[in-house]
C-alpha atoms as a PDB file:
ATOM      1  CA  UNK A   1     -15.073   0.147  -6.648  1.00  0.00           C
ATOM      2  CA  UNK A   2     -15.135  -0.171  -2.884  1.00  0.00           C
ATOM      3  CA  UNK A   3     -13.068   2.331  -0.877  1.00  0.00           C
ATOM      4  CA  UNK A   4     -12.986   2.107   2.922  1.00  0.00           C
ATOM      5  CA  UNK A   5     -13.478   5.560   4.436  1.00  0.00           C
ATOM      6  CA  UNK A   6     -11.150   4.843   7.367  1.00  0.00           C
ATOM      7  CA  UNK A   7      -8.095   4.625   5.102  1.00  0.00           C
ATOM      8  CA  UNK A   8      -5.950   7.268   3.412  1.00  0.00           C
ATOM      9  CA  UNK A   9      -4.783   6.920  -0.190  1.00  0.00           C
ATOM     10  CA  UNK A  10      -1.656   7.873  -2.126  1.00  0.00           C
ATOM     11  CA  UNK A  11      -1.645   9.043  -5.753  1.00  0.00           C
ATOM     12  CA  UNK A  12       0.530   5.997  -6.475  1.00  0.00           C
ATOM     13  CA  UNK A  13      -2.372   3.682  -5.448  1.00  0.00           C
ATOM     14  CA  UNK A  14      -1.304   2.602  -1.976  1.00  0.00           C
ATOM     15  CA  UNK A  15      -3.726   2.643   0.954  1.00  0.00           C
ATOM     16  CA  UNK A  16      -2.703   3.511   4.519  1.00  0.00           C
ATOM     17  CA  UNK A  17      -4.310   2.636   7.837  1.00  0.00           C
ATOM     18  CA  UNK A  18      -3.106   4.366  11.006  1.00  0.00           C
ATOM     19  CA  UNK A  19      -2.874   1.790  13.796  1.00  0.00           C
ATOM     20  CA  UNK A  20      -3.507   2.498  17.486  1.00  0.00           C
ATOM     21  CA  UNK A  21       0.250   2.316  18.213  1.00  0.00           C
ATOM     22  CA  UNK A  22       0.995   5.025  15.611  1.00  0.00           C
ATOM     23  CA  UNK A  23       2.407   2.649  12.986  1.00  0.00           C
ATOM     24  CA  UNK A  24       1.001   2.576   9.471  1.00  0.00           C
ATOM     25  CA  UNK A  25      -0.232  -0.488   7.610  1.00  0.00           C
ATOM     26  CA  UNK A  26       0.140  -0.213   3.824  1.00  0.00           C
ATOM     27  CA  UNK A  27      -1.343  -2.133   0.915  1.00  0.00           C
ATOM     28  CA  UNK A  28      -2.391  -1.522  -2.677  1.00  0.00           C
ATOM     29  CA  UNK A  29      -5.834  -0.340  -3.666  1.00  0.00           C
ATOM     30  CA  UNK A  30      -8.554  -2.251  -5.431  1.00  0.00           C
ATOM     31  CA  UNK A  31      -8.010   0.031  -8.441  1.00  0.00           C
ATOM     32  CA  UNK A  32      -4.318  -0.958  -8.533  1.00  0.00           C
ATOM     33  CA  UNK A  33      -4.953  -4.685  -8.322  1.00  0.00           C
ATOM     34  CA  UNK A  34      -7.671  -4.475 -11.000  1.00  0.00           C
ATOM     35  CA  UNK A  35      -5.250  -2.649 -13.295  1.00  0.00           C
ATOM     36  CA  UNK A  36      -2.545  -5.248 -12.671  1.00  0.00           C
ATOM     37  CA  UNK A  37      -4.675  -8.332 -13.149  1.00  0.00           C
ATOM     38  CA  UNK A  38      -3.702 -11.596 -11.469  1.00  0.00           C
ATOM     39  CA  UNK A  39      -0.850 -10.916  -9.065  1.00  0.00           C
ATOM     40  CA  UNK A  40       1.850 -13.583  -9.051  1.00  0.00           C
ATOM     41  CA  UNK A  41       4.530 -12.211  -6.691  1.00  0.00           C
ATOM     42  CA  UNK A  42       5.688  -9.416  -4.406  1.00  0.00           C
ATOM     43  CA  UNK A  43       9.166  -8.269  -3.483  1.00  0.00           C
ATOM     44  CA  UNK A  44       8.666  -6.552  -0.132  1.00  0.00           C
ATOM     45  CA  UNK A  45      11.077  -4.460   1.955  1.00  0.00           C
ATOM     46  CA  UNK A  46      12.914  -5.834   4.966  1.00  0.00           C
ATOM     47  CA  UNK A  47      12.361  -4.614   8.506  1.00  0.00           C
ATOM     48  CA  UNK A  48      14.644  -1.751   9.469  1.00  0.00           C
ATOM     49  CA  UNK A  49      14.796  -0.153   6.027  1.00  0.00           C
ATOM     50  CA  UNK A  50      14.437   3.632   6.239  1.00  0.00           C
ATOM     51  CA  UNK A  51      12.341   5.083   3.414  1.00  0.00           C
ATOM     52  CA  UNK A  52      11.382   8.519   2.112  1.00  0.00           C
ATOM     53  CA  UNK A  53       7.876   9.462   1.021  1.00  0.00           C
ATOM     54  CA  UNK A  54       7.412   8.516  -2.612  1.00  0.00           C
ATOM     55  CA  UNK A  55      10.420   6.169  -2.663  1.00  0.00           C
ATOM     56  CA  UNK A  56      10.008   2.806  -4.385  1.00  0.00           C
ATOM     57  CA  UNK A  57      10.068   0.243  -1.586  1.00  0.00           C
ATOM     58  CA  UNK A  58       8.562  -2.874  -3.152  1.00  0.00           C
ATOM     59  CA  UNK A  59       7.523  -4.408  -6.435  1.00  0.00           C
ATOM     60  CA  UNK A  60       4.514  -6.384  -7.526  1.00  0.00           C
ATOM     61  CA  UNK A  61       4.476  -8.681 -10.516  1.00  0.00           C
ATOM     62  CA  UNK A  62       1.295  -9.709 -12.268  1.00  0.00           C
ATOM     63  CA  UNK A  63       0.449 -11.616 -15.401  1.00  0.00           C
ATOM     64  CA  UNK A  64       0.308  -8.245 -17.177  1.00  0.00           C
ATOM     65  CA  UNK A  65       3.313  -6.331 -15.841  1.00  0.00           C
ATOM     66  CA  UNK A  66       5.629  -5.498 -12.969  1.00  0.00           C
ATOM     67  CA  UNK A  67       4.850  -2.370 -10.992  1.00  0.00           C
ATOM     68  CA  UNK A  68       6.436  -0.343  -8.216  1.00  0.00           C
ATOM     69  CA  UNK A  69       5.015   0.158  -4.745  1.00  0.00           C
ATOM     70  CA  UNK A  70       5.932   3.442  -3.047  1.00  0.00           C
ATOM     71  CA  UNK A  71       6.267   4.546   0.544  1.00  0.00           C
ATOM     72  CA  UNK A  72       3.262   6.793   1.181  1.00  0.00           C
ATOM     73  CA  UNK A  73       5.176   8.674   3.908  1.00  0.00           C
ATOM     74  CA  UNK A  74       8.714   8.732   5.280  1.00  0.00           C
ATOM     75  CA  UNK A  75       9.645   6.306   8.031  1.00  0.00           C
ATOM     76  CA  UNK A  76      11.133   2.944   8.892  1.00  0.00           C
ATOM     77  CA  UNK A  77       9.775  -0.422   7.792  1.00  0.00           C
ATOM     78  CA  UNK A  78       8.873  -2.480  10.849  1.00  0.00           C
ATOM     79  CA  UNK A  79       7.379  -5.544   9.175  1.00  0.00           C
ATOM     80  CA  UNK A  80       6.525  -7.082   5.823  1.00  0.00           C
ATOM     81  CA  UNK A  81       3.624  -9.473   5.334  1.00  0.00           C
ATOM     82  CA  UNK A  82       5.064 -12.929   4.638  1.00  0.00           C
ATOM     83  CA  UNK A  83       1.526 -14.210   3.973  1.00  0.00           C
ATOM     84  CA  UNK A  84       1.160 -11.788   1.050  1.00  0.00           C
ATOM     85  CA  UNK A  85       4.428 -13.107  -0.368  1.00  0.00           C
ATOM     86  CA  UNK A  86       3.309 -16.716   0.107  1.00  0.00           C
ATOM     87  CA  UNK A  87      -0.148 -16.070  -1.393  1.00  0.00           C
ATOM     88  CA  UNK A  88       0.116 -12.954  -3.603  1.00  0.00           C
ATOM     89  CA  UNK A  89      -3.285 -13.613  -5.180  1.00  0.00           C
ATOM     90  CA  UNK A  90      -4.894 -12.778  -1.840  1.00  0.00           C
ATOM     91  CA  UNK A  91      -4.520  -9.110  -2.820  1.00  0.00           C
ATOM     92  CA  UNK A  92      -6.759  -9.768  -5.828  1.00  0.00           C
ATOM     93  CA  UNK A  93      -9.497 -11.238  -3.644  1.00  0.00           C
ATOM     94  CA  UNK A  94      -9.131  -8.897  -0.651  1.00  0.00           C
ATOM     95  CA  UNK A  95      -7.045  -5.790  -1.438  1.00  0.00           C
ATOM     96  CA  UNK A  96      -7.979  -4.001   1.790  1.00  0.00           C
ATOM     97  CA  UNK A  97      -7.589  -7.070   4.000  1.00  0.00           C
ATOM     98  CA  UNK A  98      -4.177  -8.057   2.654  1.00  0.00           C
ATOM     99  CA  UNK A  99      -1.515  -5.594   3.756  1.00  0.00           C
ATOM    100  CA  UNK A 100       2.014  -5.527   2.366  1.00  0.00           C
ATOM    101  CA  UNK A 101       4.161  -3.752   4.948  1.00  0.00           C
ATOM    102  CA  UNK A 102       4.005  -1.715   8.122  1.00  0.00           C
ATOM    103  CA  UNK A 103       6.085   1.326   8.879  1.00  0.00           C
ATOM    104  CA  UNK A 104       6.806   3.654  11.748  1.00  0.00           C
ATOM    105  CA  UNK A 105       6.313   7.126  10.284  1.00  0.00           C
ATOM    106  CA  UNK A 106       8.959   9.778  10.749  1.00  0.00           C
ATOM    107  CA  UNK A 107       6.167  12.353  11.068  1.00  0.00           C
ATOM    108  CA  UNK A 108       2.605  11.097  11.530  1.00  0.00           C
ATOM    109  CA  UNK A 109       1.411  14.460  10.202  1.00  0.00           C
ATOM    110  CA  UNK A 110       2.484  13.366   6.697  1.00  0.00           C
ATOM    111  CA  UNK A 111      -0.576  11.111   6.641  1.00  0.00           C
ATOM    112  CA  UNK A 112      -2.747  14.239   6.541  1.00  0.00           C
ATOM    113  CA  UNK A 113      -1.297  14.975   3.093  1.00  0.00           C
ATOM    114  CA  UNK A 114      -2.724  11.755   1.673  1.00  0.00           C
ATOM    115  CA  UNK A 115      -6.133  11.586  -0.015  1.00  0.00           C
ATOM    116  CA  UNK A 116      -9.479  10.701   1.501  1.00  0.00           C
ATOM    117  CA  UNK A 117     -11.534   7.909  -0.075  1.00  0.00           C
ATOM    118  CA  UNK A 118     -13.619  10.498  -1.940  1.00  0.00           C
ATOM    119  CA  UNK A 119     -10.590  12.363  -3.287  1.00  0.00           C
ATOM    120  CA  UNK A 120      -8.918   9.105  -4.372  1.00  0.00           C
ATOM    121  CA  UNK A 121     -12.092   7.933  -6.088  1.00  0.00           C
ATOM    122  CA  UNK A 122     -12.257  11.195  -8.027  1.00  0.00           C
ATOM    123  CA  UNK A 123      -8.548  10.952  -8.946  1.00  0.00           C
ATOM    124  CA  UNK A 124      -9.037   7.531 -10.572  1.00  0.00           C
ATOM    125  CA  UNK A 125     -12.273   8.535 -12.265  1.00  0.00           C
ATOM    126  CA  UNK A 126     -14.636   6.358 -10.258  1.00  0.00           C
END
């Protein structure tokens, strides 16, 4: 399993990239998409939605099951990726290149509470 070192990871299998403007880009990990199998659709949050860390903010449906996607930190959704909704299988082929939503964190320091690539790898037994 490939895990980019420049990302942070949530126990609920989301990855987070801190952008230069302080916003966060969020997607699901390779481990998550492998567990789900072929992804067929996403229901993503709308811009402006205020979310709490750990709150369910989106859903993903695959040929195997539906699963919840959580906010890794508290903040406000600033954008959802329409391309991921139009081509949900792109997450299967490029889980770290296909983001799902971006959010403006309430407290950027919350990102420090997320896992490093090494810690996430150990948590999923890789």
